[in-house]
PDB file of N, CA and C in Angstrom:
ATOM      1  N   UNK A   1      -5.252 -26.162-100.826  1.00  0.00           N
ATOM      2  CA  UNK A   1      -6.384 -25.275-100.624  1.00  0.00           C
ATOM      3  C   UNK A   1      -6.737 -24.585-101.933  1.00  0.00           C
ATOM      4  N   UNK A   2      -7.976 -24.784-102.369  1.00  0.00           N
ATOM      5  CA  UNK A   2      -8.440 -24.169-103.606  1.00  0.00           C
ATOM      6  C   UNK A   2      -8.725 -22.703-103.355  1.00  0.00           C
ATOM      7  N   UNK A   3      -8.155 -21.849-104.200  1.00  0.00           N
ATOM      8  CA  UNK A   3      -8.284 -20.417-103.963  1.00  0.00           C
ATOM      9  C   UNK A   3      -8.314 -19.640-105.272  1.00  0.00           C
ATOM     10  N   UNK A   4      -9.155 -18.610-105.301  1.00  0.00           N
ATOM     11  CA  UNK A   4      -9.209 -17.650-106.401  1.00  0.00           C
ATOM     12  C   UNK A   4      -9.060 -16.258-105.803  1.00  0.00           C
ATOM     13  N   UNK A   5      -8.159 -15.468-106.364  1.00  0.00           N
ATOM     14  CA  UNK A   5      -7.916 -14.118-105.837  1.00  0.00           C
ATOM     15  C   UNK A   5      -8.006 -13.118-106.977  1.00  0.00           C
ATOM     16  N   UNK A   6      -9.038 -12.264-106.912  1.00  0.00           N
ATOM     17  CA  UNK A   6      -9.232 -11.244-107.933  1.00  0.00           C
ATOM     18  C   UNK A   6      -8.475  -9.970-107.588  1.00  0.00           C
ATOM     19  N   UNK A   7      -8.129  -9.225-108.617  1.00  0.00           N
ATOM     20  CA  UNK A   7      -7.503  -7.918-108.440  1.00  0.00           C
ATOM     21  C   UNK A   7      -7.760  -7.078-109.679  1.00  0.00           C
ATOM     22  N   UNK A   8      -7.462  -5.785-109.569  1.00  0.00           N
ATOM     23  CA  UNK A   8      -7.551  -4.916-110.731  1.00  0.00           C
ATOM     24  C   UNK A   8      -8.752  -3.986-110.763  1.00  0.00           C
ATOM     25  N   UNK A   9      -9.638  -4.128-109.804  1.00  0.00           N
ATOM     26  CA  UNK A   9     -10.787  -3.237-109.778  1.00  0.00           C
ATOM     27  C   UNK A   9     -10.395  -1.829-109.381  1.00  0.00           C
ATOM     28  N   UNK A  10     -11.375  -0.919-109.462  1.00  0.00           N
ATOM     29  CA  UNK A  10     -11.116   0.453-109.076  1.00  0.00           C
ATOM     30  C   UNK A  10     -12.181   1.391-109.588  1.00  0.00           C
ATOM     31  N   UNK A  11     -11.886   2.671-109.478  1.00  0.00           N
ATOM     32  CA  UNK A  11     -12.787   3.722-109.953  1.00  0.00           C
ATOM     33  C   UNK A  11     -12.318   4.195-111.318  1.00  0.00           C
ATOM     34  N   UNK A  12     -13.240   4.231-112.270  1.00  0.00           N
ATOM     35  CA  UNK A  12     -12.888   4.646-113.624  1.00  0.00           C
ATOM     36  C   UNK A  12     -14.026   5.495-114.178  1.00  0.00           C
ATOM     37  N   UNK A  13     -13.691   6.425-115.050  1.00  0.00           N
ATOM     38  CA  UNK A  13     -14.709   7.268-115.668  1.00  0.00           C
ATOM     39  C   UNK A  13     -15.426   6.509-116.777  1.00  0.00           C
ATOM     40  N   UNK A  14     -16.655   6.891-117.072  1.00  0.00           N
ATOM     41  CA  UNK A  14     -17.356   6.270-118.204  1.00  0.00           C
ATOM     42  C   UNK A  14     -16.514   6.371-119.477  1.00  0.00           C
ATOM     43  N   UNK A  15     -16.498   5.267-120.217  1.00  0.00           N
ATOM     44  CA  UNK A  15     -15.679   5.194-121.417  1.00  0.00           C
ATOM     45  C   UNK A  15     -14.282   4.667-121.176  1.00  0.00           C
ATOM     46  N   UNK A  16     -13.913   4.526-119.924  1.00  0.00           N
ATOM     47  CA  UNK A  16     -12.580   4.058-119.579  1.00  0.00           C
ATOM     48  C   UNK A  16     -12.451   2.543-119.625  1.00  0.00           C
ATOM     49  N   UNK A  17     -11.263   2.078-119.242  1.00  0.00           N
ATOM     50  CA  UNK A  17     -10.958   0.650-119.293  1.00  0.00           C
ATOM     51  C   UNK A  17     -10.335   0.182-117.986  1.00  0.00           C
ATOM     52  N   UNK A  18     -10.538  -1.093-117.703  1.00  0.00           N
ATOM     53  CA  UNK A  18      -9.888  -1.768-116.593  1.00  0.00           C
ATOM     54  C   UNK A  18      -9.593  -3.193-117.021  1.00  0.00           C
ATOM     55  N   UNK A  19      -8.565  -3.781-116.438  1.00  0.00           N
ATOM     56  CA  UNK A  19      -8.306  -5.205-116.630  1.00  0.00           C
ATOM     57  C   UNK A  19      -8.296  -5.891-115.282  1.00  0.00           C
ATOM     58  N   UNK A  20      -9.201  -6.820-115.126  1.00  0.00           N
ATOM     59  CA  UNK A  20      -9.263  -7.623-113.912  1.00  0.00           C
ATOM     60  C   UNK A  20      -8.424  -8.878-114.084  1.00  0.00           C
ATOM     61  N   UNK A  21      -7.846  -9.321-112.986  1.00  0.00           N
ATOM     62  CA  UNK A  21      -7.086 -10.564-112.971  1.00  0.00           C
ATOM     63  C   UNK A  21      -7.638 -11.470-111.885  1.00  0.00           C
ATOM     64  N   UNK A  22      -7.508 -12.764-112.111  1.00  0.00           N
ATOM     65  CA  UNK A  22      -7.912 -13.750-111.108  1.00  0.00           C
ATOM     66  C   UNK A  22      -6.824 -14.820-111.062  1.00  0.00           C
ATOM     67  N   UNK A  23      -6.114 -14.864-109.959  1.00  0.00           N
ATOM     68  CA  UNK A  23      -5.054 -15.847-109.772  1.00  0.00           C
ATOM     69  C   UNK A  23      -5.606 -17.079-109.065  1.00  0.00           C
ATOM     70  N   UNK A  24      -5.365 -18.237-109.643  1.00  0.00           N
ATOM     71  CA  UNK A  24      -5.906 -19.492-109.116  1.00  0.00           C
ATOM     72  C   UNK A  24      -4.809 -20.352-108.505  1.00  0.00           C
ATOM     73  N   UNK A  25      -5.186 -21.124-107.509  1.00  0.00           N
ATOM     74  CA  UNK A  25      -4.246 -22.059-106.903  1.00  0.00           C
ATOM     75  C   UNK A  25      -5.022 -23.208-106.259  1.00  0.00           C
ATOM     76  N   UNK A  26      -4.342 -24.327-106.085  1.00  0.00           N
ATOM     77  CA  UNK A  26      -4.916 -25.457-105.371  1.00  0.00           C
ATOM     78  C   UNK A  26      -5.686 -26.440-106.223  1.00  0.00           C
ATOM     79  N   UNK A  27      -5.732 -26.212-107.531  1.00  0.00           N
ATOM     80  CA  UNK A  27      -6.399 -27.157-108.414  1.00  0.00           C
ATOM     81  C   UNK A  27      -5.737 -27.083-109.792  1.00  0.00           C
ATOM     82  N   UNK A  28      -6.121 -28.003-110.660  1.00  0.00           N
ATOM     83  CA  UNK A  28      -5.517 -28.059-111.994  1.00  0.00           C
ATOM     84  C   UNK A  28      -6.187 -27.007-112.874  1.00  0.00           C
ATOM     85  N   UNK A  29      -5.632 -25.826-112.863  1.00  0.00           N
ATOM     86  CA  UNK A  29      -6.236 -24.674-113.536  1.00  0.00           C
ATOM     87  C   UNK A  29      -6.489 -24.958-115.016  1.00  0.00           C
ATOM     88  N   UNK A  30      -5.543 -25.581-115.688  1.00  0.00           N
ATOM     89  CA  UNK A  30      -5.641 -25.778-117.133  1.00  0.00           C
ATOM     90  C   UNK A  30      -6.750 -26.751-117.540  1.00  0.00           C
ATOM     91  N   UNK A  31      -7.355 -27.423-116.573  1.00  0.00           N
ATOM     92  CA  UNK A  31      -8.423 -28.368-116.873  1.00  0.00           C
ATOM     93  C   UNK A  31      -9.815 -27.777-116.682  1.00  0.00           C
ATOM     94  N   UNK A  32      -9.889 -26.565-116.185  1.00  0.00           N
ATOM     95  CA  UNK A  32     -11.183 -25.997-115.798  1.00  0.00           C
ATOM     96  C   UNK A  32     -11.561 -24.773-116.607  1.00  0.00           C
ATOM     97  N   UNK A  33     -12.835 -24.730-117.024  1.00  0.00           N
ATOM     98  CA  UNK A  33     -13.373 -23.475-117.542  1.00  0.00           C
ATOM     99  C   UNK A  33     -13.430 -22.474-116.388  1.00  0.00           C
ATOM    100  N   UNK A  34     -13.347 -21.213-116.730  1.00  0.00           N
ATOM    101  CA  UNK A  34     -13.389 -20.154-115.725  1.00  0.00           C
ATOM    102  C   UNK A  34     -14.456 -19.140-116.116  1.00  0.00           C
ATOM    103  N   UNK A  35     -15.084 -18.558-115.123  1.00  0.00           N
ATOM    104  CA  UNK A  35     -16.140 -17.580-115.387  1.00  0.00           C
ATOM    105  C   UNK A  35     -15.926 -16.327-114.555  1.00  0.00           C
ATOM    106  N   UNK A  36     -16.474 -15.245-115.078  1.00  0.00           N
ATOM    107  CA  UNK A  36     -16.562 -13.987-114.347  1.00  0.00           C
ATOM    108  C   UNK A  36     -18.044 -13.687-114.111  1.00  0.00           C
ATOM    109  N   UNK A  37     -18.361 -13.336-112.889  1.00  0.00           N
ATOM    110  CA  UNK A  37     -19.698 -12.893-112.508  1.00  0.00           C
ATOM    111  C   UNK A  37     -19.596 -11.484-111.927  1.00  0.00           C
ATOM    112  N   UNK A  38     -20.725 -10.817-111.858  1.00  0.00           N
ATOM    113  CA  UNK A  38     -20.771  -9.536-111.169  1.00  0.00           C
ATOM    114  C   UNK A  38     -22.085  -9.400-110.411  1.00  0.00           C
ATOM    115  N   UNK A  39     -22.024  -8.591-109.370  1.00  0.00           N
ATOM    116  CA  UNK A  39     -23.216  -8.343-108.575  1.00  0.00           C
ATOM    117  C   UNK A  39     -23.243  -6.878-108.165  1.00  0.00           C
ATOM    118  N   UNK A  40     -24.290  -6.193-108.602  1.00  0.00           N
ATOM    119  CA  UNK A  40     -24.493  -4.800-108.232  1.00  0.00           C
ATOM    120  C   UNK A  40     -25.367  -4.754-106.980  1.00  0.00           C
ATOM    121  N   UNK A  41     -25.290  -3.664-106.216  1.00  0.00           N
ATOM    122  CA  UNK A  41     -26.114  -3.560-105.000  1.00  0.00           C
ATOM    123  C   UNK A  41     -27.591  -3.741-105.309  1.00  0.00           C
ATOM    124  N   UNK A  42     -28.239  -4.609-104.551  1.00  0.00           N
ATOM    125  CA  UNK A  42     -29.666  -4.837-104.725  1.00  0.00           C
ATOM    126  C   UNK A  42     -30.036  -5.703-105.900  1.00  0.00           C
ATOM    127  N   UNK A  43     -29.042  -6.251-106.595  1.00  0.00           N
ATOM    128  CA  UNK A  43     -29.315  -7.089-107.761  1.00  0.00           C
ATOM    129  C   UNK A  43     -28.729  -8.475-107.567  1.00  0.00           C
ATOM    130  N   UNK A  44     -29.231  -9.411-108.367  1.00  0.00           N
ATOM    131  CA  UNK A  44     -28.709 -10.773-108.307  1.00  0.00           C
ATOM    132  C   UNK A  44     -27.351 -10.847-109.021  1.00  0.00           C
ATOM    133  N   UNK A  45     -26.577 -11.840-108.614  1.00  0.00           N
ATOM    134  CA  UNK A  45     -25.302 -12.059-109.284  1.00  0.00           C
ATOM    135  C   UNK A  45     -25.569 -12.538-110.706  1.00  0.00           C
ATOM    136  N   UNK A  46     -24.850 -11.989-111.671  1.00  0.00           N
ATOM    137  CA  UNK A  46     -25.052 -12.362-113.065  1.00  0.00           C
ATOM    138  C   UNK A  46     -23.749 -12.813-113.710  1.00  0.00           C
ATOM    139  N   UNK A  47     -23.899 -13.758-114.639  1.00  0.00           N
ATOM    140  CA  UNK A  47     -22.757 -14.269-115.378  1.00  0.00           C
ATOM    141  C   UNK A  47     -22.352 -13.246-116.435  1.00  0.00           C
ATOM    142  N   UNK A  48     -21.074 -12.912-116.447  1.00  0.00           N
ATOM    143  CA  UNK A  48     -20.553 -11.918-117.391  1.00  0.00           C
ATOM    144  C   UNK A  48     -19.827 -12.598-118.553  1.00  0.00           C
ATOM    145  N   UNK A  49     -18.948 -13.552-118.231  1.00  0.00           N
ATOM    146  CA  UNK A  49     -18.128 -14.174-119.275  1.00  0.00           C
ATOM    147  C   UNK A  49     -17.672 -15.544-118.806  1.00  0.00           C
ATOM    148  N   UNK A  50     -17.501 -16.445-119.770  1.00  0.00           N
ATOM    149  CA  UNK A  50     -16.946 -17.770-119.510  1.00  0.00           C
ATOM    150  C   UNK A  50     -15.891 -18.055-120.560  1.00  0.00           C
ATOM    151  N   UNK A  51     -14.803 -18.670-120.124  1.00  0.00           N
ATOM    152  CA  UNK A  51     -13.745 -19.070-121.051  1.00  0.00           C
ATOM    153  C   UNK A  51     -13.427 -20.534-120.797  1.00  0.00           C
ATOM    154  N   UNK A  52     -13.281 -21.285-121.882  1.00  0.00           N
ATOM    155  CA  UNK A  52     -13.001 -22.717-121.745  1.00  0.00           C
ATOM    156  C   UNK A  52     -11.595 -22.941-121.208  1.00  0.00           C
ATOM    157  N   UNK A  53     -11.287 -24.186-120.887  1.00  0.00           N
ATOM    158  CA  UNK A  53     -10.006 -24.474-120.246  1.00  0.00           C
ATOM    159  C   UNK A  53      -8.815 -24.120-121.127  1.00  0.00           C
ATOM    160  N   UNK A  54      -8.978 -24.241-122.446  1.00  0.00           N
ATOM    161  CA  UNK A  54      -7.880 -23.891-123.350  1.00  0.00           C
ATOM    162  C   UNK A  54      -7.950 -22.446-123.820  1.00  0.00           C
ATOM    163  N   UNK A  55      -9.053 -21.798-123.549  1.00  0.00           N
ATOM    164  CA  UNK A  55      -9.240 -20.443-124.054  1.00  0.00           C
ATOM    165  C   UNK A  55      -9.831 -20.385-125.448  1.00  0.00           C
ATOM    166  N   UNK A  56     -10.106 -21.554-126.017  1.00  0.00           N
ATOM    167  CA  UNK A  56     -10.594 -21.587-127.390  1.00  0.00           C
ATOM    168  C   UNK A  56     -12.057 -21.222-127.538  1.00  0.00           C
ATOM    169  N   UNK A  57     -12.792 -21.276-126.448  1.00  0.00           N
ATOM    170  CA  UNK A  57     -14.209 -20.923-126.485  1.00  0.00           C
ATOM    171  C   UNK A  57     -14.478 -19.863-125.431  1.00  0.00           C
ATOM    172  N   UNK A  58     -15.181 -18.821-125.834  1.00  0.00           N
ATOM    173  CA  UNK A  58     -15.532 -17.755-124.916  1.00  0.00           C
ATOM    174  C   UNK A  58     -16.984 -17.367-125.129  1.00  0.00           C
ATOM    175  N   UNK A  59     -17.646 -17.048-124.058  1.00  0.00           N
ATOM    176  CA  UNK A  59     -19.045 -16.646-124.136  1.00  0.00           C
ATOM    177  C   UNK A  59     -19.247 -15.427-123.243  1.00  0.00           C
ATOM    178  N   UNK A  60     -20.149 -14.534-123.682  1.00  0.00           N
ATOM    179  CA  UNK A  60     -20.342 -13.281-122.959  1.00  0.00           C
ATOM    180  C   UNK A  60     -21.821 -12.966-122.794  1.00  0.00           C
ATOM    181  N   UNK A  61     -22.135 -12.265-121.732  1.00  0.00           N
ATOM    182  CA  UNK A  61     -23.472 -11.728-121.572  1.00  0.00           C
ATOM    183  C   UNK A  61     -23.716 -10.685-122.654  1.00  0.00           C
ATOM    184  N   UNK A  62     -24.953 -10.575-123.105  1.00  0.00           N
ATOM    185  CA  UNK A  62     -25.281  -9.612-124.155  1.00  0.00           C
ATOM    186  C   UNK A  62     -24.890  -8.195-123.756  1.00  0.00           C
ATOM    187  N   UNK A  63     -24.985  -7.894-122.475  1.00  0.00           N
ATOM    188  CA  UNK A  63     -24.734  -6.541-121.996  1.00  0.00           C
ATOM    189  C   UNK A  63     -23.266  -6.120-122.107  1.00  0.00           C
ATOM    190  N   UNK A  64     -22.367  -7.095-122.285  1.00  0.00           N
ATOM    191  CA  UNK A  64     -20.934  -6.746-122.346  1.00  0.00           C
ATOM    192  C   UNK A  64     -20.285  -7.152-123.659  1.00  0.00           C
ATOM    193  N   UNK A  65     -21.035  -7.795-124.535  1.00  0.00           N
ATOM    194  CA  UNK A  65     -20.455  -8.241-125.815  1.00  0.00           C
ATOM    195  C   UNK A  65     -19.904  -7.052-126.589  1.00  0.00           C
ATOM    196  N   UNK A  66     -18.695  -7.245-127.133  1.00  0.00           N
ATOM    197  CA  UNK A  66     -18.049  -6.192-127.896  1.00  0.00           C
ATOM    198  C   UNK A  66     -17.277  -5.214-127.048  1.00  0.00           C
ATOM    199  N   UNK A  67     -17.457  -5.294-125.720  1.00  0.00           N
ATOM    200  CA  UNK A  67     -16.736  -4.373-124.823  1.00  0.00           C
ATOM    201  C   UNK A  67     -15.778  -5.112-123.880  1.00  0.00           C
ATOM    202  N   UNK A  68     -16.151  -6.305-123.470  1.00  0.00           N
ATOM    203  CA  UNK A  68     -15.340  -7.098-122.546  1.00  0.00           C
ATOM    204  C   UNK A  68     -14.702  -8.273-123.279  1.00  0.00           C
ATOM    205  N   UNK A  69     -13.493  -8.612-122.872  1.00  0.00           N
ATOM    206  CA  UNK A  69     -12.796  -9.763-123.437  1.00  0.00           C
ATOM    207  C   UNK A  69     -12.147 -10.567-122.318  1.00  0.00           C
ATOM    208  N   UNK A  70     -12.451 -11.856-122.300  1.00  0.00           N
ATOM    209  CA  UNK A  70     -11.833 -12.742-121.326  1.00  0.00           C
ATOM    210  C   UNK A  70     -10.667 -13.479-121.968  1.00  0.00           C
ATOM    211  N   UNK A  71      -9.617 -13.666-121.199  1.00  0.00           N
ATOM    212  CA  UNK A  71      -8.461 -14.423-121.675  1.00  0.00           C
ATOM    213  C   UNK A  71      -7.848 -15.153-120.489  1.00  0.00           C
ATOM    214  N   UNK A  72      -6.934 -16.041-120.789  1.00  0.00           N
ATOM    215  CA  UNK A  72      -6.274 -16.778-119.713  1.00  0.00           C
ATOM    216  C   UNK A  72      -4.847 -17.121-120.094  1.00  0.00           C
ATOM    217  N   UNK A  73      -4.022 -17.283-119.076  1.00  0.00           N
ATOM    218  CA  UNK A  73      -2.652 -17.718-119.246  1.00  0.00           C
ATOM    219  C   UNK A  73      -2.469 -18.935-118.339  1.00  0.00           C
ATOM    220  N   UNK A  74      -2.531 -20.119-118.926  1.00  0.00           N
ATOM    221  CA  UNK A  74      -2.459 -21.346-118.130  1.00  0.00           C
ATOM    222  C   UNK A  74      -1.078 -21.543-117.510  1.00  0.00           C
ATOM    223  N   UNK A  75      -0.060 -20.896-118.054  1.00  0.00           N
ATOM    224  CA  UNK A  75       1.269 -21.005-117.462  1.00  0.00           C
ATOM    225  C   UNK A  75       1.375 -20.195-116.172  1.00  0.00           C
ATOM    226  N   UNK A  76       0.451 -19.232-116.017  1.00  0.00           N
ATOM    227  CA  UNK A  76       0.443 -18.393-114.822  1.00  0.00           C
ATOM    228  C   UNK A  76      -0.761 -18.668-113.921  1.00  0.00           C
ATOM    229  N   UNK A  77      -1.587 -19.645-114.313  1.00  0.00           N
ATOM    230  CA  UNK A  77      -2.798 -19.956-113.534  1.00  0.00           C
ATOM    231  C   UNK A  77      -3.636 -18.701-113.293  1.00  0.00           C
ATOM    232  N   UNK A  78      -3.792 -17.922-114.340  1.00  0.00           N
ATOM    233  CA  UNK A  78      -4.489 -16.640-114.208  1.00  0.00           C
ATOM    234  C   UNK A  78      -5.474 -16.446-115.353  1.00  0.00           C
ATOM    235  N   UNK A  79      -6.633 -15.911-115.009  1.00  0.00           N
ATOM    236  CA  UNK A  79      -7.632 -15.534-115.995  1.00  0.00           C
ATOM    237  C   UNK A  79      -7.844 -14.022-115.894  1.00  0.00           C
ATOM    238  N   UNK A  80      -8.145 -13.416-117.041  1.00  0.00           N
ATOM    239  CA  UNK A  80      -8.266 -11.965-117.118  1.00  0.00           C
ATOM    240  C   UNK A  80      -9.625 -11.571-117.691  1.00  0.00           C
ATOM    241  N   UNK A  81     -10.027 -10.361-117.349  1.00  0.00           N
ATOM    242  CA  UNK A  81     -11.203  -9.762-117.969  1.00  0.00           C
ATOM    243  C   UNK A  81     -10.839  -8.333-118.353  1.00  0.00           C
ATOM    244  N   UNK A  82     -10.657  -8.119-119.648  1.00  0.00           N
ATOM    245  CA  UNK A  82     -10.392  -6.781-120.163  1.00  0.00           C
ATOM    246  C   UNK A  82     -11.737  -6.091-120.401  1.00  0.00           C
ATOM    247  N   UNK A  83     -11.924  -4.952-119.751  1.00  0.00           N
ATOM    248  CA  UNK A  83     -13.193  -4.238-119.843  1.00  0.00           C
ATOM    249  C   UNK A  83     -12.955  -2.873-120.463  1.00  0.00           C
ATOM    250  N   UNK A  84     -13.535  -2.654-121.624  1.00  0.00           N
ATOM    251  CA  UNK A  84     -13.406  -1.389-122.339  1.00  0.00           C
ATOM    252  C   UNK A  84     -14.760  -0.699-122.438  1.00  0.00           C
ATOM    253  N   UNK A  85     -14.725   0.578-122.780  1.00  0.00           N
ATOM    254  CA  UNK A  85     -15.957   1.365-122.951  1.00  0.00           C
ATOM    255  C   UNK A  85     -16.891   1.177-121.766  1.00  0.00           C
ATOM    256  N   UNK A  86     -16.347   1.307-120.592  1.00  0.00           N
ATOM    257  CA  UNK A  86     -17.124   1.045-119.387  1.00  0.00           C
ATOM    258  C   UNK A  86     -18.256   2.053-119.213  1.00  0.00           C
ATOM    259  N   UNK A  87     -19.364   1.550-118.678  1.00  0.00           N
ATOM    260  CA  UNK A  87     -20.564   2.343-118.458  1.00  0.00           C
ATOM    261  C   UNK A  87     -20.902   2.354-116.959  1.00  0.00           C
ATOM    262  N   UNK A  88     -21.637   3.339-116.505  1.00  0.00           N
ATOM    263  CA  UNK A  88     -22.034   3.343-115.089  1.00  0.00           C
ATOM    264  C   UNK A  88     -22.752   2.058-114.671  1.00  0.00           C
ATOM    265  N   UNK A  89     -23.496   1.456-115.580  1.00  0.00           N
ATOM    266  CA  UNK A  89     -24.211   0.229-115.239  1.00  0.00           C
ATOM    267  C   UNK A  89     -23.298  -0.988-115.106  1.00  0.00           C
ATOM    268  N   UNK A  90     -22.020  -0.826-115.418  1.00  0.00           N
ATOM    269  CA  UNK A  90     -21.051  -1.902-115.168  1.00  0.00           C
ATOM    270  C   UNK A  90     -20.564  -1.895-113.724  1.00  0.00           C
ATOM    271  N   UNK A  91     -20.941  -0.894-112.967  1.00  0.00           N
ATOM    272  CA  UNK A  91     -20.541  -0.813-111.567  1.00  0.00           C
ATOM    273  C   UNK A  91     -21.066  -2.017-110.798  1.00  0.00           C
ATOM    274  N   UNK A  92     -20.161  -2.739-110.164  1.00  0.00           N
ATOM    275  CA  UNK A  92     -20.527  -3.962-109.448  1.00  0.00           C
ATOM    276  C   UNK A  92     -19.290  -4.543-108.782  1.00  0.00           C
ATOM    277  N   UNK A  93     -19.523  -5.532-107.934  1.00  0.00           N
ATOM    278  CA  UNK A  93     -18.436  -6.373-107.446  1.00  0.00           C
ATOM    279  C   UNK A  93     -18.281  -7.497-108.466  1.00  0.00           C
ATOM    280  N   UNK A  94     -17.057  -7.720-108.896  1.00  0.00           N
ATOM    281  CA  UNK A  94     -16.767  -8.739-109.905  1.00  0.00           C
ATOM    282  C   UNK A  94     -16.083  -9.934-109.236  1.00  0.00           C
ATOM    283  N   UNK A  95     -16.600 -11.122-109.575  1.00  0.00           N
ATOM    284  CA  UNK A  95     -16.107 -12.352-108.968  1.00  0.00           C
ATOM    285  C   UNK A  95     -15.621 -13.327-110.031  1.00  0.00           C
ATOM    286  N   UNK A  96     -14.584 -14.023-109.679  1.00  0.00           N
ATOM    287  CA  UNK A  96     -14.056 -15.121-110.478  1.00  0.00           C
ATOM    288  C   UNK A  96     -14.667 -16.423-109.957  1.00  0.00           C
ATOM    289  N   UNK A  97     -14.895 -17.374-110.867  1.00  0.00           N
ATOM    290  CA  UNK A  97     -15.569 -18.606-110.463  1.00  0.00           C
ATOM    291  C   UNK A  97     -15.090 -19.789-111.281  1.00  0.00           C
ATOM    292  N   UNK A  98     -15.084 -20.959-110.646  1.00  0.00           N
ATOM    293  CA  UNK A  98     -14.889 -22.198-111.368  1.00  0.00           C
ATOM    294  C   UNK A  98     -15.607 -23.312-110.608  1.00  0.00           C
ATOM    295  N   UNK A  99     -15.692 -24.451-111.239  1.00  0.00           N
ATOM    296  CA  UNK A  99     -16.224 -25.643-110.587  1.00  0.00           C
ATOM    297  C   UNK A  99     -15.077 -26.606-110.363  1.00  0.00           C
ATOM    298  N   UNK A 100     -14.986 -27.136-109.155  1.00  0.00           N
ATOM    299  CA  UNK A 100     -13.930 -28.093-108.821  1.00  0.00           C
ATOM    300  C   UNK A 100     -14.521 -29.126-107.888  1.00  0.00           C
ATOM    301  N   UNK A 101     -14.437 -30.390-108.316  1.00  0.00           N
ATOM    302  CA  UNK A 101     -14.970 -31.506-107.520  1.00  0.00           C
ATOM    303  C   UNK A 101     -16.409 -31.241-107.123  1.00  0.00           C
ATOM    304  N   UNK A 102     -17.216 -30.880-108.119  1.00  0.00           N
ATOM    305  CA  UNK A 102     -18.662 -30.710-107.980  1.00  0.00           C
ATOM    306  C   UNK A 102     -19.054 -29.552-107.079  1.00  0.00           C
ATOM    307  N   UNK A 103     -18.141 -28.663-106.809  1.00  0.00           N
ATOM    308  CA  UNK A 103     -18.466 -27.513-105.958  1.00  0.00           C
ATOM    309  C   UNK A 103     -18.045 -26.224-106.636  1.00  0.00           C
ATOM    310  N   UNK A 104     -18.818 -25.177-106.423  1.00  0.00           N
ATOM    311  CA  UNK A 104     -18.452 -23.864-106.929  1.00  0.00           C
ATOM    312  C   UNK A 104     -17.341 -23.272-106.066  1.00  0.00           C
ATOM    313  N   UNK A 105     -16.389 -22.668-106.726  1.00  0.00           N
ATOM    314  CA  UNK A 105     -15.308 -21.967-106.039  1.00  0.00           C
ATOM    315  C   UNK A 105     -15.398 -20.494-106.424  1.00  0.00           C
ATOM    316  N   UNK A 106     -15.356 -19.625-105.441  1.00  0.00           N
ATOM    317  CA  UNK A 106     -15.477 -18.185-105.664  1.00  0.00           C
ATOM    318  C   UNK A 106     -14.292 -17.451-105.048  1.00  0.00           C
ATOM    319  N   UNK A 107     -13.925 -16.349-105.712  1.00  0.00           N
ATOM    320  CA  UNK A 107     -12.975 -15.449-105.094  1.00  0.00           C
ATOM    321  C   UNK A 107     -13.690 -14.478-104.181  1.00  0.00           C
ATOM    322  N   UNK A 108     -12.916 -13.559-103.606  1.00  0.00           N
ATOM    323  CA  UNK A 108     -13.489 -12.595-102.666  1.00  0.00           C
ATOM    324  C   UNK A 108     -14.112 -11.403-103.400  1.00  0.00           C
ATOM    325  N   UNK A 109     -13.795 -11.262-104.661  1.00  0.00           N
ATOM    326  CA  UNK A 109     -14.358 -10.177-105.466  1.00  0.00           C
ATOM    327  C   UNK A 109     -13.454  -8.956-105.520  1.00  0.00           C
ATOM    328  N   UNK A 110     -13.659  -8.172-106.574  1.00  0.00           N
ATOM    329  CA  UNK A 110     -12.968  -6.890-106.714  1.00  0.00           C
ATOM    330  C   UNK A 110     -13.996  -5.869-107.204  1.00  0.00           C
ATOM    331  N   UNK A 111     -14.005  -4.705-106.584  1.00  0.00           N
ATOM    332  CA  UNK A 111     -15.020  -3.703-106.862  1.00  0.00           C
ATOM    333  C   UNK A 111     -14.652  -2.881-108.083  1.00  0.00           C
ATOM    334  N   UNK A 112     -15.613  -2.731-108.980  1.00  0.00           N
ATOM    335  CA  UNK A 112     -15.473  -1.852-110.137  1.00  0.00           C
ATOM    336  C   UNK A 112     -16.539  -0.767-110.027  1.00  0.00           C
ATOM    337  N   UNK A 113     -16.108   0.471-110.053  1.00  0.00           N
ATOM    338  CA  UNK A 113     -17.024   1.607-109.993  1.00  0.00           C
ATOM    339  C   UNK A 113     -16.779   2.498-111.190  1.00  0.00           C
ATOM    340  N   UNK A 114     -17.829   2.712-111.966  1.00  0.00           N
ATOM    341  CA  UNK A 114     -17.743   3.556-113.159  1.00  0.00           C
ATOM    342  C   UNK A 114     -18.551   4.822-112.886  1.00  0.00           C
ATOM    343  N   UNK A 115     -17.844   5.926-112.748  1.00  0.00           N
ATOM    344  CA  UNK A 115     -18.505   7.177-112.377  1.00  0.00           C
ATOM    345  C   UNK A 115     -17.640   8.358-112.774  1.00  0.00           C
ATOM    346  N   UNK A 116     -18.311   9.453-113.114  1.00  0.00           N
ATOM    347  CA  UNK A 116     -17.580  10.680-113.416  1.00  0.00           C
ATOM    348  C   UNK A 116     -17.479  11.559-112.175  1.00  0.00           C
TER     349      UNK A 116
END
């Protein structure tokens, strides 16, 4: 069973940091690029970051460049999103994603709320 499970969300003050984790199972994790998306209430889901299967290539949305860093540990089948200098506009549900056998795989999401 292909599964992605996110964790690490929570409530943080503006300027604070959080690290999200996404644990993968049921597929060959080391062969797949992984992405992080987010969706705020009333808005479309947007791509935040993508990391290649080896971690050698990373891409970020302009809105998070310089503040967010994606990484992965293929020995643990886990991908991470380090989020620094958080802003209220980063408030959203964050989802982990990959493609496996021509289908999108999504986790259940983890909520990030940035508020004072």
